[in-house]
All heavy atoms as atom14 arrays in JSON, in Angstrom:
{
  "sequence": "MDLPKDFDQKYSSIWVDIPKSLYDPEKGHRMYNEFLDEFELMVDM",
  "atom14_mask": [
    [1, 1, 1, 1, 1, 1, 1, 1, 0, 0, 0, 0, 0, 0],
    [1, 1, 1, 1, 1, 1, 1, 1, 0, 0, 0, 0, 0, 0],
    [1, 1, 1, 1, 1, 1, 1, 1, 0, 0, 0, 0, 0, 0],
    [1, 1, 1, 1, 1, 1, 1, 0, 0, 0, 0, 0, 0, 0],
    [1, 1, 1, 1, 1, 1, 1, 1, 1, 0, 0, 0, 0, 0],
    [1, 1, 1, 1, 1, 1, 1, 1, 0, 0, 0, 0, 0, 0],
    [1, 1, 1, 1, 1, 1, 1, 1, 1, 1, 1, 0, 0, 0],
    [1, 1, 1, 1, 1, 1, 1, 1, 0, 0, 0, 0, 0, 0],
    [1, 1, 1, 1, 1, 1, 1, 1, 1, 0, 0, 0, 0, 0],
    [1, 1, 1, 1, 1, 1, 1, 1, 1, 0, 0, 0, 0, 0],
    [1, 1, 1, 1, 1, 1, 1, 1, 1, 1, 1, 1, 0, 0],
    [1, 1, 1, 1, 1, 1, 0, 0, 0, 0, 0, 0, 0, 0],
    [1, 1, 1, 1, 1, 1, 0, 0, 0, 0, 0, 0, 0, 0],
    [1, 1, 1, 1, 1, 1, 1, 1, 0, 0, 0, 0, 0, 0],
    [1, 1, 1, 1, 1, 1, 1, 1, 1, 1, 1, 1, 1, 1],
    [1, 1, 1, 1, 1, 1, 1, 0, 0, 0, 0, 0, 0, 0],
    [1, 1, 1, 1, 1, 1, 1, 1, 0, 0, 0, 0, 0, 0],
    [1, 1, 1, 1, 1, 1, 1, 1, 0, 0, 0, 0, 0, 0],
    [1, 1, 1, 1, 1, 1, 1, 0, 0, 0, 0, 0, 0, 0],
    [1, 1, 1, 1, 1, 1, 1, 1, 1, 0, 0, 0, 0, 0],
    [1, 1, 1, 1, 1, 1, 0, 0, 0, 0, 0, 0, 0, 0],
    [1, 1, 1, 1, 1, 1, 1, 1, 0, 0, 0, 0, 0, 0],
    [1, 1, 1, 1, 1, 1, 1, 1, 1, 1, 1, 1, 0, 0],
    [1, 1, 1, 1, 1, 1, 1, 1, 0, 0, 0, 0, 0, 0],
    [1, 1, 1, 1, 1, 1, 1, 0, 0, 0, 0, 0, 0, 0],
    [1, 1, 1, 1, 1, 1, 1, 1, 1, 0, 0, 0, 0, 0],
    [1, 1, 1, 1, 1, 1, 1, 1, 1, 0, 0, 0, 0, 0],
    [1, 1, 1, 1, 0, 0, 0, 0, 0, 0, 0, 0, 0, 0],
    [1, 1, 1, 1, 1, 1, 1, 1, 1, 1, 0, 0, 0, 0],
    [1, 1, 1, 1, 1, 1, 1, 1, 1, 1, 1, 0, 0, 0],
    [1, 1, 1, 1, 1, 1, 1, 1, 0, 0, 0, 0, 0, 0],
    [1, 1, 1, 1, 1, 1, 1, 1, 1, 1, 1, 1, 0, 0],
    [1, 1, 1, 1, 1, 1, 1, 1, 0, 0, 0, 0, 0, 0],
    [1, 1, 1, 1, 1, 1, 1, 1, 1, 0, 0, 0, 0, 0],
    [1, 1, 1, 1, 1, 1, 1, 1, 1, 1, 1, 0, 0, 0],
    [1, 1, 1, 1, 1, 1, 1, 1, 0, 0, 0, 0, 0, 0],
    [1, 1, 1, 1, 1, 1, 1, 1, 0, 0, 0, 0, 0, 0],
    [1, 1, 1, 1, 1, 1, 1, 1, 1, 0, 0, 0, 0, 0],
    [1, 1, 1, 1, 1, 1, 1, 1, 1, 1, 1, 0, 0, 0],
    [1, 1, 1, 1, 1, 1, 1, 1, 1, 0, 0, 0, 0, 0],
    [1, 1, 1, 1, 1, 1, 1, 1, 0, 0, 0, 0, 0, 0],
    [1, 1, 1, 1, 1, 1, 1, 1, 0, 0, 0, 0, 0, 0],
    [1, 1, 1, 1, 1, 1, 1, 0, 0, 0, 0, 0, 0, 0],
    [1, 1, 1, 1, 1, 1, 1, 1, 0, 0, 0, 0, 0, 0],
    [1, 1, 1, 1, 1, 1, 1, 1, 0, 0, 0, 0, 0, 0]
  ],
  "atom14_positions": [
    [[0.75, -1.15, 0.02], [-0.04, -0.01, 0.0], [0.73, 1.27, 0.06], [0.29, 2.25, 0.24], [-1.03, -0.02, 1.25], [-1.92, -1.07, 1.14], [-3.12, -1.01, 2.5], [-2.1, -1.33, 3.89], [0.0, 0.0, 0.0], [0.0, 0.0, 0.0], [0.0, 0.0, 0.0], [0.0, 0.0, 0.0], [0.0, 0.0, 0.0], [0.0, 0.0, 0.0]],
    [[2.11, 1.24, -0.31], [2.95, 2.35, -0.21], [3.88, 2.49, -1.37], [5.05, 2.89, -1.26], [3.77, 2.29, 1.12], [4.33, 3.71, 1.44], [3.76, 4.73, 0.98], [5.4, 3.69, 2.05], [0.0, 0.0, 0.0], [0.0, 0.0, 0.0], [0.0, 0.0, 0.0], [0.0, 0.0, 0.0], [0.0, 0.0, 0.0], [0.0, 0.0, 0.0]],
    [[3.38, 2.25, -2.65], [4.09, 2.33, -3.75], [4.09, 3.88, -4.16], [3.25, 4.63, -3.74], [3.51, 1.66, -5.04], [3.59, 0.13, -4.77], [2.94, -0.65, -5.91], [5.12, -0.28, -4.81], [0.0, 0.0, 0.0], [0.0, 0.0, 0.0], [0.0, 0.0, 0.0], [0.0, 0.0, 0.0], [0.0, 0.0, 0.0], [0.0, 0.0, 0.0]],
    [[5.11, 4.46, -4.9], [5.25, 5.73, -5.24], [4.01, 6.34, -6.04], [3.42, 5.58, -6.77], [6.54, 5.83, -6.07], [7.32, 4.58, -5.77], [6.39, 3.69, -5.4], [0.0, 0.0, 0.0], [0.0, 0.0, 0.0], [0.0, 0.0, 0.0], [0.0, 0.0, 0.0], [0.0, 0.0, 0.0], [0.0, 0.0, 0.0], [0.0, 0.0, 0.0]],
    [[3.69, 7.54, -5.81], [2.64, 8.28, -6.56], [2.79, 8.13, -8.09], [1.78, 8.17, -8.76], [2.48, 9.7, -6.09], [2.0, 9.8, -4.66], [1.76, 11.27, -4.28], [1.48, 11.54, -2.83], [0.13, 10.85, -2.55], [0.0, 0.0, 0.0], [0.0, 0.0, 0.0], [0.0, 0.0, 0.0], [0.0, 0.0, 0.0], [0.0, 0.0, 0.0]],
    [[4.02, 8.17, -8.53], [4.3, 8.11, -10.0], [4.69, 6.78, -10.44], [5.28, 6.49, -11.48], [5.43, 9.09, -10.4], [6.77, 8.81, -9.57], [6.79, 8.01, -8.64], [7.77, 9.33, -9.91], [0.0, 0.0, 0.0], [0.0, 0.0, 0.0], [0.0, 0.0, 0.0], [0.0, 0.0, 0.0], [0.0, 0.0, 0.0], [0.0, 0.0, 0.0]],
    [[4.23, 5.73, -9.6], [4.54, 4.32, -10.04], [4.26, 3.87, -11.51], [5.11, 3.33, -12.2], [3.94, 3.35, -9.06], [4.1, 1.94, -9.31], [5.27, 1.32, -8.92], [3.27, 1.23, -10.13], [5.62, 0.02, -9.2], [3.6, -0.11, -10.42], [4.74, -0.78, -9.91], [0.0, 0.0, 0.0], [0.0, 0.0, 0.0], [0.0, 0.0, 0.0]],
    [[3.12, 4.29, -11.94], [2.65, 3.8, -13.28], [3.44, 4.55, -14.37], [3.44, 4.25, -15.58], [1.24, 3.97, -13.49], [0.64, 5.27, -13.21], [1.31, 6.06, -12.44], [-0.41, 5.7, -13.75], [0.0, 0.0, 0.0], [0.0, 0.0, 0.0], [0.0, 0.0, 0.0], [0.0, 0.0, 0.0], [0.0, 0.0, 0.0], [0.0, 0.0, 0.0]],
    [[4.05, 5.68, -13.89], [4.93, 6.44, -14.84], [6.23, 6.06, -14.9], [6.93, 6.1, -16.01], [4.84, 7.94, -14.63], [3.26, 8.55, -14.55], [2.55, 8.56, -15.85], [3.22, 8.69, -16.88], [1.33, 8.12, -15.82], [0.0, 0.0, 0.0], [0.0, 0.0, 0.0], [0.0, 0.0, 0.0], [0.0, 0.0, 0.0], [0.0, 0.0, 0.0]],
    [[6.73, 5.64, -13.87], [8.18, 5.47, -13.68], [8.6, 3.93, -13.95], [9.8, 3.63, -14.24], [8.69, 5.93, -12.25], [10.18, 6.03, -12.05], [10.45, 6.64, -10.69], [11.94, 6.63, -10.44], [12.38, 7.21, -9.17], [0.0, 0.0, 0.0], [0.0, 0.0, 0.0], [0.0, 0.0, 0.0], [0.0, 0.0, 0.0], [0.0, 0.0, 0.0]],
    [[7.64, 3.08, -13.53], [8.09, 1.69, -13.48], [7.2, 0.9, -14.6], [6.17, 1.25, -14.89], [7.86, 1.09, -12.03], [8.66, 1.7, -11.12], [8.17, 2.65, -10.27], [9.94, 1.32, -10.97], [8.97, 3.36, -9.37], [10.74, 1.84, -9.99], [10.33, 2.85, -9.19], [11.08, 3.5, -8.17], [0.0, 0.0, 0.0], [0.0, 0.0, 0.0]],
    [[7.87, -0.13, -14.98], [7.28, -0.94, -16.2], [5.99, -1.68, -15.83], [5.02, -1.54, -16.54], [8.38, -1.99, -16.77], [7.74, -2.93, -17.53], [0.0, 0.0, 0.0], [0.0, 0.0, 0.0], [0.0, 0.0, 0.0], [0.0, 0.0, 0.0], [0.0, 0.0, 0.0], [0.0, 0.0, 0.0], [0.0, 0.0, 0.0], [0.0, 0.0, 0.0]],
    [[5.98, -2.3, -14.69], [4.86, -3.22, -14.34], [4.86, -3.59, -12.81], [5.93, -3.6, -12.24], [4.98, -4.5, -15.12], [3.94, -5.44, -14.76], [0.0, 0.0, 0.0], [0.0, 0.0, 0.0], [0.0, 0.0, 0.0], [0.0, 0.0, 0.0], [0.0, 0.0, 0.0], [0.0, 0.0, 0.0], [0.0, 0.0, 0.0], [0.0, 0.0, 0.0]],
    [[3.75, -3.68, -12.25], [3.57, -4.14, -10.89], [3.87, -5.63, -10.77], [4.1, -6.18, -9.68], [2.31, -3.76, -10.31], [2.34, -3.8, -8.71], [1.1, -4.67, -10.76], [1.08, -3.33, -8.05], [0.0, 0.0, 0.0], [0.0, 0.0, 0.0], [0.0, 0.0, 0.0], [0.0, 0.0, 0.0], [0.0, 0.0, 0.0], [0.0, 0.0, 0.0]],
    [[3.76, -6.23, -11.84], [3.95, -7.78, -11.82], [5.16, -8.12, -12.62], [5.58, -7.59, -13.57], [2.8, -8.47, -12.41], [2.14, -9.49, -11.87], [2.79, -10.55, -11.18], [0.86, -9.97, -11.91], [1.88, -11.47, -10.67], [0.67, -11.1, -11.08], [-0.41, -9.39, -12.53], [-0.48, -11.78, -10.99], [-1.56, -10.04, -12.26], [-1.76, -11.21, -11.56]],
    [[5.92, -9.18, -12.04], [7.09, -9.79, -12.69], [8.41, -9.13, -12.49], [9.33, -9.58, -11.9], [6.97, -10.12, -14.2], [8.04, -10.78, -14.71], [5.57, -10.89, -14.49], [0.0, 0.0, 0.0], [0.0, 0.0, 0.0], [0.0, 0.0, 0.0], [0.0, 0.0, 0.0], [0.0, 0.0, 0.0], [0.0, 0.0, 0.0], [0.0, 0.0, 0.0]],
    [[8.56, -7.77, -12.9], [9.73, -7.01, -12.89], [9.69, -5.81, -11.88], [10.51, -4.92, -12.08], [10.27, -6.56, -14.1], [9.36, -5.58, -14.84], [8.27, -5.26, -14.33], [9.61, -4.99, -15.94], [0.0, 0.0, 0.0], [0.0, 0.0, 0.0], [0.0, 0.0, 0.0], [0.0, 0.0, 0.0], [0.0, 0.0, 0.0], [0.0, 0.0, 0.0]],
    [[8.77, -5.79, -10.98], [8.7, -4.76, -10.03], [9.98, -4.83, -9.08], [10.36, -5.83, -8.59], [7.46, -4.88, -9.05], [7.35, -3.68, -8.13], [7.28, -6.21, -8.47], [6.08, -3.61, -7.31], [0.0, 0.0, 0.0], [0.0, 0.0, 0.0], [0.0, 0.0, 0.0], [0.0, 0.0, 0.0], [0.0, 0.0, 0.0], [0.0, 0.0, 0.0]],
    [[10.63, -3.66, -8.82], [11.91, -3.69, -8.13], [11.78, -4.0, -6.67], [10.82, -3.49, -6.01], [12.47, -2.32, -8.25], [11.81, -1.71, -9.47], [10.37, -2.43, -9.52], [0.0, 0.0, 0.0], [0.0, 0.0, 0.0], [0.0, 0.0, 0.0], [0.0, 0.0, 0.0], [0.0, 0.0, 0.0], [0.0, 0.0, 0.0], [0.0, 0.0, 0.0]],
    [[12.53, -4.94, -6.24], [12.44, -5.34, -4.69], [12.8, -4.15, -3.86], [12.49, -4.1, -2.63], [13.39, -6.41, -4.36], [12.83, -7.84, -4.9], [13.54, -8.92, -4.35], [14.88, -9.12, -4.86], [15.62, -10.34, -4.35], [0.0, 0.0, 0.0], [0.0, 0.0, 0.0], [0.0, 0.0, 0.0], [0.0, 0.0, 0.0], [0.0, 0.0, 0.0]],
    [[13.53, -3.2, -4.37], [13.87, -2.01, -3.49], [12.65, -1.25, -3.08], [12.75, -0.35, -2.11], [14.77, -1.14, -4.33], [14.15, -0.48, -5.39], [0.0, 0.0, 0.0], [0.0, 0.0, 0.0], [0.0, 0.0, 0.0], [0.0, 0.0, 0.0], [0.0, 0.0, 0.0], [0.0, 0.0, 0.0], [0.0, 0.0, 0.0], [0.0, 0.0, 0.0]],
    [[11.56, -1.38, -3.69], [10.38, -0.78, -3.37], [9.65, -1.36, -2.08], [8.64, -0.64, -1.51], [9.4, -0.7, -4.51], [9.79, 0.14, -5.79], [8.69, 0.02, -6.9], [10.06, 1.63, -5.52], [0.0, 0.0, 0.0], [0.0, 0.0, 0.0], [0.0, 0.0, 0.0], [0.0, 0.0, 0.0], [0.0, 0.0, 0.0], [0.0, 0.0, 0.0]],
    [[10.0, -2.51, -1.78], [9.43, -3.11, -0.62], [10.17, -2.93, 0.66], [11.34, -3.14, 0.8], [9.42, -4.71, -0.82], [8.64, -5.43, 0.14], [7.24, -5.49, 0.33], [9.34, -6.09, 1.24], [6.57, -6.24, 1.2], [8.67, -6.75, 2.2], [7.31, -6.81, 2.25], [6.64, -7.42, 3.27], [0.0, 0.0, 0.0], [0.0, 0.0, 0.0]],
    [[9.43, -2.42, 1.64], [10.0, -2.19, 3.05], [9.36, -3.23, 3.95], [8.18, -3.29, 4.31], [9.56, -0.8, 3.52], [10.18, -0.45, 4.84], [10.44, -1.36, 5.59], [10.21, 0.74, 5.12], [0.0, 0.0, 0.0], [0.0, 0.0, 0.0], [0.0, 0.0, 0.0], [0.0, 0.0, 0.0], [0.0, 0.0, 0.0], [0.0, 0.0, 0.0]],
    [[10.26, -4.19, 4.36], [9.75, -5.21, 5.34], [9.02, -4.86, 6.53], [8.1, -5.54, 7.03], [11.0, -6.12, 5.68], [11.93, -5.83, 4.42], [11.7, -4.33, 4.14], [0.0, 0.0, 0.0], [0.0, 0.0, 0.0], [0.0, 0.0, 0.0], [0.0, 0.0, 0.0], [0.0, 0.0, 0.0], [0.0, 0.0, 0.0], [0.0, 0.0, 0.0]],
    [[9.51, -3.7, 7.16], [8.85, -3.17, 8.38], [7.33, -2.85, 7.89], [6.49, -2.99, 8.8], [9.62, -2.0, 8.97], [10.87, -2.53, 9.59], [11.7, -1.44, 10.26], [11.11, -0.39, 10.47], [12.82, -1.61, 10.67], [0.0, 0.0, 0.0], [0.0, 0.0, 0.0], [0.0, 0.0, 0.0], [0.0, 0.0, 0.0], [0.0, 0.0, 0.0]],
    [[7.18, -2.15, 6.95], [5.92, -1.76, 6.52], [5.13, -2.99, 6.09], [3.91, -3.16, 6.44], [5.85, -0.81, 5.29], [6.48, 0.58, 5.67], [6.53, 1.47, 4.45], [7.06, 2.91, 4.84], [7.08, 3.73, 3.67], [0.0, 0.0, 0.0], [0.0, 0.0, 0.0], [0.0, 0.0, 0.0], [0.0, 0.0, 0.0], [0.0, 0.0, 0.0]],
    [[5.73, -3.94, 5.44], [5.07, -5.3, 5.21], [4.61, -5.96, 6.32], [3.51, -6.58, 6.36], [0.0, 0.0, 0.0], [0.0, 0.0, 0.0], [0.0, 0.0, 0.0], [0.0, 0.0, 0.0], [0.0, 0.0, 0.0], [0.0, 0.0, 0.0], [0.0, 0.0, 0.0], [0.0, 0.0, 0.0], [0.0, 0.0, 0.0], [0.0, 0.0, 0.0]],
    [[5.37, -5.92, 7.44], [4.98, -6.61, 8.72], [3.73, -5.96, 9.18], [2.65, -6.7, 9.57], [6.14, -6.38, 9.7], [5.69, -6.64, 11.17], [5.65, -8.04, 11.64], [5.31, -5.91, 12.2], [5.24, -8.02, 12.86], [5.03, -6.73, 13.21], [0.0, 0.0, 0.0], [0.0, 0.0, 0.0], [0.0, 0.0, 0.0], [0.0, 0.0, 0.0]],
    [[3.54, -4.67, 9.15], [2.28, -3.94, 9.61], [1.18, -4.32, 8.69], [0.11, -4.57, 9.24], [2.71, -2.43, 9.7], [1.32, -1.64, 9.88], [1.56, -0.19, 9.89], [2.19, 0.32, 8.79], [1.49, 0.62, 7.49], [0.12, 0.34, 7.55], [2.04, 1.04, 6.54], [0.0, 0.0, 0.0], [0.0, 0.0, 0.0], [0.0, 0.0, 0.0]],
    [[1.43, -4.32, 7.37], [0.27, -4.61, 6.43], [-0.19, -6.05, 6.61], [-1.46, -6.22, 6.6], [0.84, -4.41, 5.16], [1.16, -2.96, 4.71], [1.88, -2.78, 2.95], [2.52, -1.11, 2.97], [0.0, 0.0, 0.0], [0.0, 0.0, 0.0], [0.0, 0.0, 0.0], [0.0, 0.0, 0.0], [0.0, 0.0, 0.0], [0.0, 0.0, 0.0]],
    [[0.71, -6.98, 6.69], [0.28, -8.32, 6.8], [-0.74, -8.51, 7.86], [-1.69, -9.03, 7.98], [1.38, -9.28, 7.01], [2.09, -9.81, 5.74], [3.38, -9.93, 5.61], [1.24, -10.23, 4.66], [3.96, -10.36, 4.45], [1.72, -10.85, 3.47], [3.15, -10.66, 3.26], [3.67, -11.28, 2.19], [0.0, 0.0, 0.0], [0.0, 0.0, 0.0]],
    [[-0.27, -7.93, 9.09], [-1.04, -8.04, 10.38], [-2.42, -7.33, 10.29], [-3.34, -7.71, 10.84], [-0.25, -7.65, 11.65], [0.76, -8.76, 11.93], [0.32, -9.7, 12.64], [1.93, -8.56, 11.68], [0.0, 0.0, 0.0], [0.0, 0.0, 0.0], [0.0, 0.0, 0.0], [0.0, 0.0, 0.0], [0.0, 0.0, 0.0], [0.0, 0.0, 0.0]],
    [[-2.35, -6.17, 9.62], [-3.7, -5.49, 9.42], [-4.54, -6.21, 8.55], [-5.81, -6.36, 8.77], [-3.33, -4.1, 8.89], [-2.8, -3.15, 9.82], [-2.56, -1.62, 9.3], [-2.85, -1.41, 8.2], [-2.12, -0.81, 10.03], [0.0, 0.0, 0.0], [0.0, 0.0, 0.0], [0.0, 0.0, 0.0], [0.0, 0.0, 0.0], [0.0, 0.0, 0.0]],
    [[-4.02, -6.82, 7.52], [-4.91, -7.65, 6.63], [-5.56, -8.82, 7.36], [-6.73, -9.13, 7.26], [-4.05, -8.21, 5.43], [-3.72, -7.19, 4.44], [-2.45, -7.05, 3.93], [-4.73, -6.22, 3.92], [-2.12, -6.05, 2.98], [-4.33, -5.26, 2.95], [-3.04, -5.26, 2.52], [0.0, 0.0, 0.0], [0.0, 0.0, 0.0], [0.0, 0.0, 0.0]],
    [[-4.78, -9.48, 8.27], [-5.29, -10.57, 9.06], [-6.31, -10.05, 9.98], [-7.37, -10.71, 10.17], [-4.15, -11.25, 9.8], [-3.27, -12.03, 8.87], [-2.01, -12.45, 9.55], [-3.92, -13.33, 8.31], [0.0, 0.0, 0.0], [0.0, 0.0, 0.0], [0.0, 0.0, 0.0], [0.0, 0.0, 0.0], [0.0, 0.0, 0.0], [0.0, 0.0, 0.0]],
    [[-6.17, -8.93, 10.59], [-7.11, -8.34, 11.45], [-8.46, -8.13, 10.64], [-9.51, -8.28, 11.25], [-6.68, -6.95, 12.05], [-5.62, -7.08, 13.02], [-5.39, -8.16, 13.64], [-4.95, -6.06, 13.34], [0.0, 0.0, 0.0], [0.0, 0.0, 0.0], [0.0, 0.0, 0.0], [0.0, 0.0, 0.0], [0.0, 0.0, 0.0], [0.0, 0.0, 0.0]],
    [[-8.25, -7.61, 9.43], [-9.6, -7.33, 8.69], [-10.37, -8.64, 8.4], [-11.56, -8.67, 8.54], [-9.13, -6.63, 7.3], [-8.56, -5.21, 7.57], [-7.84, -4.61, 6.52], [-7.67, -5.25, 5.46], [-7.18, -3.54, 6.7], [0.0, 0.0, 0.0], [0.0, 0.0, 0.0], [0.0, 0.0, 0.0], [0.0, 0.0, 0.0], [0.0, 0.0, 0.0]],
    [[-9.62, -9.68, 8.01], [-10.2, -11.0, 7.8], [-10.93, -11.46, 9.11], [-11.99, -12.0, 9.09], [-9.13, -12.08, 7.33], [-8.95, -11.97, 5.84], [-7.67, -11.69, 5.26], [-9.99, -12.23, 4.88], [-7.44, -11.77, 3.94], [-9.73, -12.18, 3.55], [-8.52, -12.06, 3.19], [0.0, 0.0, 0.0], [0.0, 0.0, 0.0], [0.0, 0.0, 0.0]],
    [[-10.21, -11.32, 10.21], [-10.87, -11.84, 11.42], [-12.13, -11.01, 11.76], [-13.06, -11.57, 12.3], [-9.83, -11.71, 12.62], [-8.8, -12.68, 12.31], [-7.81, -12.74, 13.67], [-7.8, -11.84, 14.47], [-6.98, -13.7, 13.67], [0.0, 0.0, 0.0], [0.0, 0.0, 0.0], [0.0, 0.0, 0.0], [0.0, 0.0, 0.0], [0.0, 0.0, 0.0]],
    [[-12.11, -9.77, 11.41], [-13.38, -8.97, 11.66], [-14.49, -9.48, 10.72], [-15.63, -9.55, 11.15], [-13.1, -7.45, 11.39], [-14.31, -6.59, 11.43], [-14.84, -6.71, 12.92], [-14.04, -5.18, 11.09], [0.0, 0.0, 0.0], [0.0, 0.0, 0.0], [0.0, 0.0, 0.0], [0.0, 0.0, 0.0], [0.0, 0.0, 0.0], [0.0, 0.0, 0.0]],
    [[-14.22, -9.95, 9.54], [-15.18, -10.48, 8.62], [-15.68, -11.64, 9.22], [-16.99, -11.83, 9.02], [-14.59, -10.77, 7.29], [-14.01, -9.55, 6.47], [-13.28, -10.09, 4.88], [-12.36, -8.61, 4.47], [0.0, 0.0, 0.0], [0.0, 0.0, 0.0], [0.0, 0.0, 0.0], [0.0, 0.0, 0.0], [0.0, 0.0, 0.0], [0.0, 0.0, 0.0]],
    [[-15.02, -12.56, 9.85], [-15.48, -13.71, 10.47], [-16.35, -13.26, 11.65], [-17.58, -13.85, 11.76], [-14.32, -14.53, 10.97], [-14.93, -15.73, 11.8], [-13.5, -15.03, 9.89], [0.0, 0.0, 0.0], [0.0, 0.0, 0.0], [0.0, 0.0, 0.0], [0.0, 0.0, 0.0], [0.0, 0.0, 0.0], [0.0, 0.0, 0.0], [0.0, 0.0, 0.0]],
    [[-15.99, -12.36, 12.44], [-16.85, -11.92, 13.62], [-18.13, -11.22, 13.22], [-19.22, -11.36, 13.83], [-15.95, -10.79, 14.46], [-14.84, -11.46, 15.24], [-14.86, -12.61, 15.46], [-13.87, -10.63, 15.55], [0.0, 0.0, 0.0], [0.0, 0.0, 0.0], [0.0, 0.0, 0.0], [0.0, 0.0, 0.0], [0.0, 0.0, 0.0], [0.0, 0.0, 0.0]],
    [[-18.12, -10.59, 11.98], [-19.33, -9.97, 11.4], [-20.27, -10.83, 10.66], [-21.19, -10.43, 10.06], [-18.91, -8.67, 10.64], [-18.08, -7.63, 11.32], [-18.94, -6.99, 12.75], [-20.34, -6.13, 11.99], [0.0, 0.0, 0.0], [0.0, 0.0, 0.0], [0.0, 0.0, 0.0], [0.0, 0.0, 0.0], [0.0, 0.0, 0.0], [0.0, 0.0, 0.0]]
  ]
}
């Protein structure tokens, strides 16, 4: 959820050749856990 605002202008594709340098594992840690929280809320609801 934190790709550059000009991603579609600057980079070829989000799939296959997306640069690994754009991925921040600390942000990824937060995102994974938030996604799981959202799924658990769906179960509760």
